[in-house]
Amino acid sequence: MSLKKAKTICKLQGISFNLEVVILCPYCGNKSMRLIIRENTAECYRCNKKQSIDDILEITKSDWSEKHKKYEKLMRFNRGVDY
């Protein structure tokens, strides 16, 4: 179902549209953290952590960078193959 269709259904039923996305929790590692877009909050129903989406974004960027650090360095200094 597209977002447009979901919004139309909500409008016709008189229900406010609220987008929620489930992601991996950066604290417990389970796919149990909900991003509640309209409220700009993220909450995990496993470990009960609650943060703003902005905080979760910064944590996720940091985790990604740490995980890919050696590849990032390799790509930065790789000059390719000389022929």
Protein backbone atom coordinates (compact mmCIF):
# COMPACT_ATOMS: atom_id res chain seq x y z
CA MET A 1 0.00 0.00 0.00
CA SER A 2 1.30 3.43 -0.83
CA LEU A 3 1.49 6.26 1.69
CA LYS A 4 -0.91 8.27 -0.42
CA LYS A 5 -3.55 5.53 -0.22
CA ALA A 6 -3.05 5.16 3.54
CA LYS A 7 -3.45 8.92 4.00
CA THR A 8 -6.63 8.89 1.91
CA ILE A 9 -8.12 6.05 3.96
CA CYS A 10 -7.31 7.88 7.21
CA LYS A 11 -8.84 11.10 5.88
CA LEU A 12 -12.04 9.34 4.80
CA GLN A 13 -12.33 7.64 8.19
CA GLY A 14 -11.59 10.83 10.12
CA ILE A 15 -8.40 9.39 11.61
CA SER A 16 -5.19 11.37 11.88
CA PHE A 17 -2.33 9.87 9.88
CA ASN A 18 0.69 8.91 11.98
CA LEU A 19 3.67 7.26 10.36
CA GLU A 20 5.65 4.82 12.52
CA VAL A 21 8.73 2.86 11.44
CA VAL A 22 10.30 -0.08 13.30
CA ILE A 23 14.12 -0.10 13.41
CA LEU A 24 16.93 -1.87 15.23
CA CYS A 25 17.37 -0.42 18.71
CA PRO A 26 20.93 0.92 19.11
CA TYR A 27 20.82 -0.01 22.80
CA CYS A 28 19.51 -3.60 22.91
CA GLY A 29 20.04 -4.55 19.23
CA ASN A 30 16.50 -5.88 18.74
CA LYS A 31 14.20 -4.77 15.95
CA SER A 32 11.87 -3.25 18.49
CA MET A 33 12.36 0.52 18.37
CA ARG A 34 9.55 2.56 16.87
CA LEU A 35 10.21 5.90 15.21
CA ILE A 36 7.11 8.00 15.76
CA ILE A 37 7.56 10.60 13.04
CA ARG A 38 4.90 13.11 14.07
CA GLU A 39 6.18 13.25 17.67
CA ASN A 40 9.90 13.16 16.70
CA THR A 41 10.44 10.37 19.23
CA ALA A 42 11.83 6.87 19.20
CA GLU A 43 10.96 4.29 21.81
CA CYS A 44 11.98 0.68 22.26
CA TYR A 45 9.38 -1.64 23.71
CA ARG A 46 12.08 -4.19 24.67
CA CYS A 47 14.53 -2.11 26.70
CA ASN A 48 12.17 0.86 27.29
CA LYS A 49 14.66 3.47 26.02
CA LYS A 50 13.09 6.67 24.72
CA GLN A 51 14.98 9.31 22.69
CA SER A 52 14.36 11.91 20.05
CA ILE A 53 14.75 10.79 16.45
CA ASP A 54 17.61 13.28 16.11
CA ASP A 55 19.50 11.56 18.94
CA ILE A 56 18.92 8.13 17.39
CA LEU A 57 20.20 9.47 14.06
CA GLU A 58 23.44 10.70 15.66
CA ILE A 59 23.93 7.38 17.50
CA THR A 60 23.28 5.43 14.30
CA LYS A 61 25.72 7.58 12.29
CA SER A 62 28.38 7.09 14.95
CA ASP A 63 27.80 3.32 15.06
CA TRP A 64 27.96 3.10 11.26
CA SER A 65 31.14 5.13 11.11
CA GLU A 66 32.80 3.00 13.79
CA LYS A 67 31.76 -0.22 12.05
CA HIS A 68 33.07 0.94 8.66
CA LYS A 69 36.14 2.86 9.85
CA LYS A 70 38.77 0.57 8.30
CA TYR A 71 36.96 0.50 4.94
CA GLU A 72 36.47 4.26 4.98
CA LYS A 73 40.22 4.75 5.45
CA LEU A 74 40.98 2.23 2.72
CA MET A 75 38.67 3.98 0.25
CA ARG A 76 40.00 7.43 1.09
CA PHE A 77 43.63 6.49 0.36
CA ASN A 78 43.03 4.02 -2.48
CA ARG A 79 44.26 5.43 -5.75
CA GLY A 80 42.89 2.61 -7.86
CA VAL A 81 44.73 0.38 -10.26
CA ASP A 82 47.46 1.83 -12.47
CA TYR A 83 47.59 0.49 -16.00
